[in-house]
Amino acid sequence: MSYHALFTLVFFLAFVAMAAWVYRPSRKKDYEKLAYIALDADERTAGNLDKGDEQ
């Protein structure tokens, strides 16, 4: 096996391992929580702007 083939195989296995780690079912709740960070920040910003208008 040549050096390049071994190098490719190692990186392919690393990619498959990382993909399996990211898409494992136990991480679903974490990703759902992270998906709402931007929306929560928008709501807080909008709430602060509304309070600022009342002053």
C-alpha atoms as a PDB file:
ATOM      1  CA  MET A   1       0.000   0.000   0.000  1.00  0.00           C
ATOM      2  CA  SER A   2       1.480   3.338  -0.984  1.00  0.00           C
ATOM      3  CA  TYR A   3       1.844   6.301   1.342  1.00  0.00           C
ATOM      4  CA  HIS A   4      -0.881   8.252  -0.455  1.00  0.00           C
ATOM      5  CA  ALA A   5      -3.376   5.404  -0.235  1.00  0.00           C
ATOM      6  CA  LEU A   6      -2.714   5.023   3.492  1.00  0.00           C
ATOM      7  CA  PHE A   7      -3.039   8.777   3.992  1.00  0.00           C
ATOM      8  CA  THR A   8      -6.383   8.765   2.147  1.00  0.00           C
ATOM      9  CA  LEU A   9      -7.648   5.798   4.141  1.00  0.00           C
ATOM     10  CA  VAL A  10      -6.759   7.419   7.479  1.00  0.00           C
ATOM     11  CA  PHE A  11      -8.529  10.673   6.613  1.00  0.00           C
ATOM     12  CA  PHE A  12     -11.561   8.841   5.231  1.00  0.00           C
ATOM     13  CA  LEU A  13     -11.889   6.851   8.462  1.00  0.00           C
ATOM     14  CA  ALA A  14     -11.500  10.050  10.488  1.00  0.00           C
ATOM     15  CA  PHE A  15     -14.262  11.675   8.422  1.00  0.00           C
ATOM     16  CA  VAL A  16     -16.608   8.717   8.925  1.00  0.00           C
ATOM     17  CA  ALA A  17     -15.901   8.718  12.671  1.00  0.00           C
ATOM     18  CA  MET A  18     -16.605  12.455  12.972  1.00  0.00           C
ATOM     19  CA  ALA A  19     -19.806  12.174  10.928  1.00  0.00           C
ATOM     20  CA  ALA A  20     -20.997   9.304  13.125  1.00  0.00           C
ATOM     21  CA  TRP A  21     -20.223  11.345  16.251  1.00  0.00           C
ATOM     22  CA  VAL A  22     -22.092  14.419  14.991  1.00  0.00           C
ATOM     23  CA  TYR A  23     -25.185  12.531  13.801  1.00  0.00           C
ATOM     24  CA  ARG A  24     -25.572  10.165  16.755  1.00  0.00           C
ATOM     25  CA  PRO A  25     -29.124  10.192  18.152  1.00  0.00           C
ATOM     26  CA  SER A  26     -28.139  11.335  21.646  1.00  0.00           C
ATOM     27  CA  ARG A  27     -27.011  14.726  20.268  1.00  0.00           C
ATOM     28  CA  LYS A  28     -30.436  15.594  18.819  1.00  0.00           C
ATOM     29  CA  LYS A  29     -31.628  17.500  21.907  1.00  0.00           C
ATOM     30  CA  ASP A  30     -28.435  19.565  21.970  1.00  0.00           C
ATOM     31  CA  TYR A  31     -28.789  20.511  18.315  1.00  0.00           C
ATOM     32  CA  GLU A  32     -32.461  21.401  18.736  1.00  0.00           C
ATOM     33  CA  LYS A  33     -31.527  23.719  21.598  1.00  0.00           C
ATOM     34  CA  LEU A  34     -28.744  25.296  19.551  1.00  0.00           C
ATOM     35  CA  ALA A  35     -31.087  25.836  16.611  1.00  0.00           C
ATOM     36  CA  TYR A  36     -33.081  28.400  18.603  1.00  0.00           C
ATOM     37  CA  ILE A  37     -30.167  30.550  19.814  1.00  0.00           C
ATOM     38  CA  ALA A  38     -30.521  33.094  17.011  1.00  0.00           C
ATOM     39  CA  LEU A  39     -34.292  33.260  17.411  1.00  0.00           C
ATOM     40  CA  ASP A  40     -34.008  33.752  21.166  1.00  0.00           C
ATOM     41  CA  ALA A  41     -31.480  36.540  20.644  1.00  0.00           C
ATOM     42  CA  ASP A  42     -33.852  38.259  18.190  1.00  0.00           C
ATOM     43  CA  GLU A  43     -36.699  38.081  20.694  1.00  0.00           C
ATOM     44  CA  ARG A  44     -34.548  39.590  23.445  1.00  0.00           C
ATOM     45  CA  THR A  45     -33.360  42.347  21.116  1.00  0.00           C
ATOM     46  CA  ALA A  46     -36.900  43.087  19.970  1.00  0.00           C
ATOM     47  CA  GLY A  47     -38.052  43.136  23.585  1.00  0.00           C
ATOM     48  CA  ASN A  48     -35.326  45.616  24.514  1.00  0.00           C
ATOM     49  CA  LEU A  49     -36.271  47.864  21.605  1.00  0.00           C
ATOM     50  CA  ASP A  50     -39.919  47.830  22.634  1.00  0.00           C
ATOM     51  CA  LYS A  51     -39.008  48.791  26.193  1.00  0.00           C
ATOM     52  CA  GLY A  52     -36.783  51.570  24.902  1.00  0.00           C
ATOM     53  CA  ASP A  53     -39.656  53.049  22.912  1.00  0.00           C
ATOM     54  CA  GLU A  54     -41.794  53.378  26.045  1.00  0.00           C
ATOM     55  CA  GLN A  55     -39.329  55.623  27.842  1.00  0.00           C
END
